[in-house]
Amino acid sequence: LIRNYLGFSRGIGGAELIQRAYQQAWVFGTRFALTREAVGLSPDGDLLVVTVSPGEELRTRSVVLATGVTYRRLDVPELEALHGAGVYYGASAFEAKALTGRVAHVVGGGNSAGQAALHLARYAAAVTLLVRGPSLAESMSAYLIEELAAAGVEVKLDAEVVGGGGEHALDHILVRDLVHMTDAVASTDGLFILIGATPMTEWLPSEVLRDRWGYLLTGDDIDEAWAEKGLKAVRSPQPLETSLPGVFAVGDVRRRSVKRVASAVGEGSVVISQVHTHLNQLAGRPPT
């Protein structure tokens, strides 16, 4: 449930918000191809060619990429069945407050997992961080490791969640000790999974620059990327424009995005003016 989005004081589910957005866009004349998948993108002069499965080509003057990311899952079926009922990907302020005086477990060894554990420790009676690796030193900032210790967060290394359950909501997990290969049941009121995400960018051409994690570079990040290679950028892209002229990126798929619904929607409104600027440049008109 999304509870921090403007205008929904009682919250709104992600699926419902998407459905409302779809209906509103349809009213404004947006055409949807719900059963089609973009599998390729290439430049052709001033035009862009989008290849759509099973092989149709669409020619356009501009493309906005809002493909998002796929959050890595634990691949534990019994826990997937409790997604939203004690099992969460990420850790929002609402879920943290709901665990006041209760027990929480966090899965992950990176900074995002450490920050989530710290946030939960402000409310929960006990917080345990479960890490698959033998150390946090290589994956988490030193200051964050110190703050976890100061906040009383228990850290279990060489630990993996392999099961869990509950009648209506999560009430226990099964944790495997990867050194001794033994399993132990741990009571919990909330399991927060932060094991990374994969941006949906593998289908894009090499002309669209990405960082080492696959997130799309836009604006000034492109100039920095060329400078690191000892090269000078051919042009200065707009803030939400990628390295391929006329191709823009918004939302989670973009590097440096804040991974929030409100900011993604905001970027969607901002990018429209940048698309118009690009189209005006193609037509030889001055920017508006």
Protein backbone atom coordinates (compact mmCIF):
# COMPACT_ATOMS: atom_id res chain seq x y z
CA LEU A 1 0.00 0.00 0.00
CA ILE A 2 1.35 3.42 -1.02
CA ARG A 3 0.58 5.88 1.78
CA ASN A 4 2.85 8.81 0.98
CA TYR A 5 1.49 9.81 -2.42
CA LEU A 6 -0.18 13.21 -2.64
CA GLY A 7 -3.98 13.09 -2.63
CA PHE A 8 -4.45 9.60 -1.15
CA SER A 9 -4.72 10.13 2.60
CA ARG A 10 -5.77 6.51 3.18
CA GLY A 11 -3.23 5.10 0.79
CA ILE A 12 -3.62 3.34 -2.54
CA GLY A 13 -2.35 0.03 -3.86
CA GLY A 14 0.20 0.00 -6.65
CA ALA A 15 -2.09 -1.94 -9.01
CA GLU A 16 -4.97 0.50 -8.45
CA LEU A 17 -2.72 3.52 -8.99
CA ILE A 18 -1.50 2.04 -12.28
CA GLN A 19 -5.07 1.32 -13.40
CA ARG A 20 -6.13 4.89 -12.65
CA ALA A 21 -3.12 6.24 -14.52
CA TYR A 22 -3.97 4.02 -17.49
CA GLN A 23 -7.57 5.26 -17.56
CA GLN A 24 -6.49 8.90 -17.32
CA ALA A 25 -3.93 8.54 -20.11
CA TRP A 26 -6.56 6.81 -22.27
CA VAL A 27 -8.93 9.76 -21.79
CA PHE A 28 -6.18 12.05 -23.11
CA GLY A 29 -5.81 9.96 -26.26
CA THR A 30 -2.86 7.71 -25.42
CA ARG A 31 -2.74 4.54 -27.50
CA PHE A 32 -1.66 1.35 -25.69
CA ALA A 33 -0.14 -1.85 -27.04
CA LEU A 34 -0.52 -4.01 -23.95
CA THR A 35 0.52 -7.33 -25.45
CA ARG A 36 3.59 -6.05 -27.28
CA GLU A 37 7.18 -5.85 -26.05
CA ALA A 38 9.90 -3.50 -27.25
CA VAL A 39 12.97 -5.62 -28.03
CA GLY A 40 15.20 -3.23 -29.96
CA LEU A 41 16.00 0.42 -30.59
CA SER A 42 18.22 1.95 -33.26
CA PRO A 43 18.83 5.36 -34.84
CA ASP A 44 18.01 6.02 -38.49
CA GLY A 45 19.01 9.57 -39.36
CA ASP A 46 16.80 11.92 -37.37
CA LEU A 47 14.37 9.08 -36.69
CA LEU A 48 14.41 6.25 -34.17
CA VAL A 49 13.34 2.72 -34.99
CA VAL A 50 11.71 0.72 -32.20
CA THR A 51 11.51 -3.02 -32.86
CA VAL A 52 8.45 -4.59 -31.27
CA SER A 53 7.97 -8.34 -30.90
CA PRO A 54 7.42 -10.38 -32.97
CA GLY A 55 9.35 -8.13 -35.40
CA GLU A 56 7.31 -5.06 -36.30
CA GLU A 57 9.23 -1.79 -36.61
CA LEU A 58 7.88 1.55 -35.42
CA ARG A 59 9.50 4.76 -36.63
CA THR A 60 9.37 7.81 -34.39
CA ARG A 61 11.17 11.05 -33.63
CA SER A 62 11.41 10.56 -29.86
CA VAL A 63 11.26 7.78 -27.26
CA VAL A 64 10.76 8.00 -23.50
CA LEU A 65 12.09 4.99 -21.57
CA ALA A 66 10.22 4.23 -18.35
CA THR A 67 10.97 0.52 -18.16
CA GLY A 68 11.83 0.48 -14.46
CA VAL A 69 13.69 -2.27 -12.66
CA THR A 70 13.12 -5.83 -11.59
CA TYR A 71 13.79 -6.27 -7.89
CA ARG A 72 15.72 -9.42 -7.11
CA ARG A 73 13.59 -11.98 -5.34
CA LEU A 74 14.46 -14.54 -2.70
CA ASP A 75 12.90 -17.32 -4.78
CA VAL A 76 11.20 -18.88 -1.74
CA PRO A 77 7.61 -19.74 -2.84
CA GLU A 78 6.07 -19.73 0.64
CA LEU A 79 7.42 -16.22 1.26
CA GLU A 80 6.31 -14.91 -2.13
CA ALA A 81 2.78 -15.95 -1.15
CA LEU A 82 3.02 -13.55 1.82
CA HIS A 83 4.32 -10.59 -0.17
CA GLY A 84 2.63 -7.55 1.39
CA ALA A 85 1.58 -9.53 4.46
CA GLY A 86 4.80 -9.36 6.43
CA VAL A 87 7.17 -9.85 3.49
CA TYR A 88 8.33 -6.66 1.76
CA TYR A 89 10.79 -5.61 -0.92
CA GLY A 90 12.22 -2.37 0.45
CA ALA A 91 11.24 -0.68 3.71
CA SER A 92 8.83 2.25 3.75
CA ALA A 93 8.15 4.56 6.69
CA PHE A 94 4.63 3.15 7.08
CA GLU A 95 5.80 -0.45 7.44
CA ALA A 96 8.52 0.57 9.90
CA LYS A 97 6.04 2.36 12.17
CA ALA A 98 3.67 -0.61 11.99
CA LEU A 99 6.40 -2.73 13.60
CA THR A 100 6.70 -0.56 16.72
CA GLY A 101 7.64 -2.84 19.60
CA ARG A 102 7.81 -5.90 17.35
CA VAL A 103 10.48 -8.04 15.64
CA ALA A 104 11.93 -7.37 12.19
CA HIS A 105 14.45 -9.09 9.93
CA VAL A 106 16.27 -7.50 7.00
CA VAL A 107 17.91 -9.46 4.18
CA GLY A 108 20.87 -7.87 2.37
CA GLY A 109 24.46 -6.79 2.79
CA GLY A 110 24.58 -3.45 1.01
CA ASN A 111 24.10 0.12 2.17
CA SER A 112 20.39 0.09 1.34
CA ALA A 113 19.86 -2.92 3.60
CA GLY A 114 21.91 -1.30 6.37
CA GLN A 115 19.95 1.94 6.12
CA ALA A 116 16.67 0.02 6.22
CA ALA A 117 17.79 -1.86 9.33
CA LEU A 118 18.73 1.42 11.02
CA HIS A 119 15.36 2.92 10.17
CA LEU A 120 13.50 -0.12 11.49
CA ALA A 121 15.56 -0.02 14.70
CA ARG A 122 13.90 3.30 15.54
CA TYR A 123 10.59 1.48 15.98
CA ALA A 124 11.02 -2.29 16.30
CA ALA A 125 11.95 -3.98 19.56
CA ALA A 126 14.53 -6.13 17.77
CA VAL A 127 16.09 -5.98 14.31
CA THR A 128 18.31 -8.63 12.75
CA LEU A 129 20.28 -8.16 9.53
CA LEU A 130 20.79 -11.40 7.60
CA VAL A 131 23.81 -11.42 5.27
CA ARG A 132 24.78 -14.25 2.92
CA GLY A 133 28.46 -13.32 2.88
CA PRO A 134 31.12 -13.78 5.56
CA SER A 135 31.65 -10.03 6.06
CA LEU A 136 30.02 -6.64 5.62
CA ALA A 137 33.30 -4.82 5.03
CA GLU A 138 33.30 -5.16 1.24
CA SER A 139 29.63 -4.36 0.64
CA MET A 140 28.72 -1.75 3.27
CA SER A 141 30.21 1.59 4.31
CA ALA A 142 32.26 1.47 7.52
CA TYR A 143 30.26 4.27 9.16
CA LEU A 144 27.04 2.34 8.53
CA ILE A 145 28.44 -0.82 10.12
CA GLU A 146 29.31 1.23 13.21
CA GLU A 147 25.85 2.78 13.32
CA LEU A 148 24.21 -0.65 13.13
CA ALA A 149 26.21 -1.78 16.16
CA ALA A 150 25.35 1.40 18.06
CA ALA A 151 21.65 0.94 17.30
CA GLY A 152 21.67 -2.61 18.62
CA VAL A 153 20.99 -4.27 15.27
CA GLU A 154 22.06 -7.92 15.35
CA VAL A 155 24.06 -8.97 12.29
CA LYS A 156 24.11 -12.61 11.25
CA LEU A 157 26.71 -13.43 8.62
CA ASP A 158 26.69 -16.51 6.39
CA ALA A 159 22.93 -16.60 6.76
CA GLU A 160 20.26 -17.25 4.15
CA VAL A 161 16.46 -17.26 4.39
CA VAL A 162 15.23 -20.55 2.92
CA GLY A 163 11.66 -20.72 4.20
CA GLY A 164 8.98 -19.22 6.36
CA GLY A 165 5.26 -18.87 6.75
CA GLY A 166 2.21 -17.84 8.70
CA GLU A 167 -1.54 -18.44 8.52
CA HIS A 168 -2.62 -14.97 7.40
CA ALA A 169 0.63 -13.03 7.72
CA LEU A 170 4.29 -13.86 8.21
CA ASP A 171 5.12 -15.05 11.73
CA HIS A 172 8.33 -17.02 11.22
CA ILE A 173 11.24 -17.56 8.84
CA LEU A 174 13.67 -20.41 8.35
CA VAL A 175 17.30 -19.26 8.40
CA ARG A 176 20.14 -21.43 7.12
CA ASP A 177 23.65 -21.21 8.58
CA LEU A 178 25.77 -21.48 5.42
CA VAL A 179 28.88 -22.53 7.36
CA HIS A 180 27.39 -25.45 9.26
CA MET A 181 24.46 -25.99 6.84
CA THR A 182 21.92 -26.11 9.64
CA ASP A 183 18.47 -24.49 9.65
CA ALA A 184 16.79 -22.63 12.51
CA VAL A 185 13.32 -21.12 12.88
CA ALA A 186 13.17 -17.44 13.86
CA SER A 187 9.96 -15.70 14.92
CA THR A 188 9.39 -12.42 13.11
CA ASP A 189 6.72 -9.87 12.34
CA GLY A 190 8.32 -8.48 9.21
CA LEU A 191 10.88 -9.55 6.62
CA PHE A 192 12.39 -6.76 4.52
CA ILE A 193 14.30 -7.86 1.43
CA LEU A 194 16.91 -5.53 -0.08
CA ILE A 195 19.14 -7.63 -2.29
CA GLY A 196 19.39 -5.30 -5.26
CA ALA A 197 17.56 -4.61 -8.48
CA THR A 198 18.20 -5.10 -12.18
CA PRO A 199 17.25 -2.26 -14.56
CA MET A 200 15.31 -3.30 -17.66
CA THR A 201 17.88 -2.05 -20.14
CA GLU A 202 19.47 -5.16 -21.64
CA TRP A 203 17.50 -4.72 -24.89
CA LEU A 204 18.93 -1.28 -25.64
CA PRO A 205 21.82 -0.63 -28.08
CA SER A 206 25.34 0.33 -27.06
CA GLU A 207 24.70 3.93 -28.16
CA VAL A 208 22.62 4.33 -25.00
CA LEU A 209 25.23 4.66 -22.24
CA ARG A 210 24.72 2.86 -18.92
CA ASP A 211 26.61 2.62 -15.66
CA ARG A 212 28.16 -0.67 -14.54
CA TRP A 213 24.86 -1.76 -13.01
CA GLY A 214 22.91 -1.12 -16.19
CA TYR A 215 21.17 2.12 -15.17
CA LEU A 216 20.76 4.70 -17.93
CA LEU A 217 22.96 7.78 -17.93
CA THR A 218 21.25 11.10 -18.60
CA GLY A 219 22.22 14.77 -18.69
CA ASP A 220 25.50 15.67 -17.00
CA ASP A 221 26.27 12.01 -16.23
CA ILE A 222 26.92 11.50 -19.93
CA ASP A 223 29.53 14.27 -20.06
CA GLU A 224 31.22 12.72 -17.01
CA ALA A 225 31.23 9.28 -18.62
CA TRP A 226 32.92 10.59 -21.76
CA ALA A 227 35.42 12.60 -19.69
CA GLU A 228 36.40 9.46 -17.74
CA LYS A 229 37.30 7.87 -21.08
CA GLY A 230 39.35 10.91 -22.06
CA LEU A 231 36.81 11.88 -24.70
CA LYS A 232 34.69 14.96 -25.25
CA ALA A 233 30.94 14.63 -25.66
CA VAL A 234 29.70 15.48 -29.15
CA ARG A 235 26.69 17.33 -27.72
CA SER A 236 25.19 18.33 -24.39
CA PRO A 237 22.05 16.29 -23.73
CA GLN A 238 19.06 17.64 -21.85
CA PRO A 239 18.76 16.64 -18.15
CA LEU A 240 16.58 13.57 -18.84
CA GLU A 241 18.01 12.77 -22.28
CA THR A 242 20.24 9.76 -22.83
CA SER A 243 23.36 9.61 -25.00
CA LEU A 244 21.19 8.75 -28.03
CA PRO A 245 19.53 11.97 -29.26
CA GLY A 246 15.77 11.92 -28.85
CA VAL A 247 15.79 9.05 -26.35
CA PHE A 248 14.85 10.06 -22.80
CA ALA A 249 14.70 8.13 -19.52
CA VAL A 250 12.54 8.63 -16.44
CA GLY A 251 11.89 6.74 -13.21
CA ASP A 252 13.80 3.90 -11.60
CA VAL A 253 15.64 2.91 -14.79
CA ARG A 254 17.60 6.17 -14.70
CA ARG A 255 20.82 6.55 -12.76
CA ARG A 256 20.51 8.82 -9.71
CA SER A 257 16.72 8.52 -9.60
CA VAL A 258 15.39 8.47 -6.03
CA LYS A 259 13.23 5.36 -6.55
CA ARG A 260 9.94 6.91 -5.41
CA VAL A 261 6.56 6.99 -7.15
CA ALA A 262 6.12 10.75 -6.75
CA SER A 263 9.52 11.55 -8.24
CA ALA A 264 8.95 9.20 -11.19
CA VAL A 265 5.63 10.90 -11.93
CA GLY A 266 7.35 14.27 -11.63
CA GLU A 267 10.04 13.23 -14.10
CA GLY A 268 7.29 12.11 -16.46
CA SER A 269 5.82 15.61 -16.49
CA VAL A 270 9.22 17.30 -16.83
CA VAL A 271 10.37 15.13 -19.73
CA ILE A 272 7.50 16.28 -21.96
CA SER A 273 8.95 19.78 -22.29
CA GLN A 274 12.34 18.26 -23.12
CA VAL A 275 10.77 16.10 -25.82
CA HIS A 276 9.17 19.23 -27.31
CA THR A 277 12.57 20.95 -27.27
CA HIS A 278 14.08 18.03 -29.19
CA LEU A 279 11.25 18.04 -31.75
CA ASN A 280 11.61 21.80 -32.24
CA GLN A 281 15.34 21.36 -32.86
CA LEU A 282 14.61 18.73 -35.51
CA ALA A 283 12.18 21.12 -37.18
CA GLY A 284 14.68 23.97 -37.05
CA ARG A 285 12.55 25.97 -34.65
CA PRO A 286 14.00 27.87 -31.67
CA PRO A 287 13.45 26.24 -28.26
CA THR A 288 10.37 27.39 -26.36
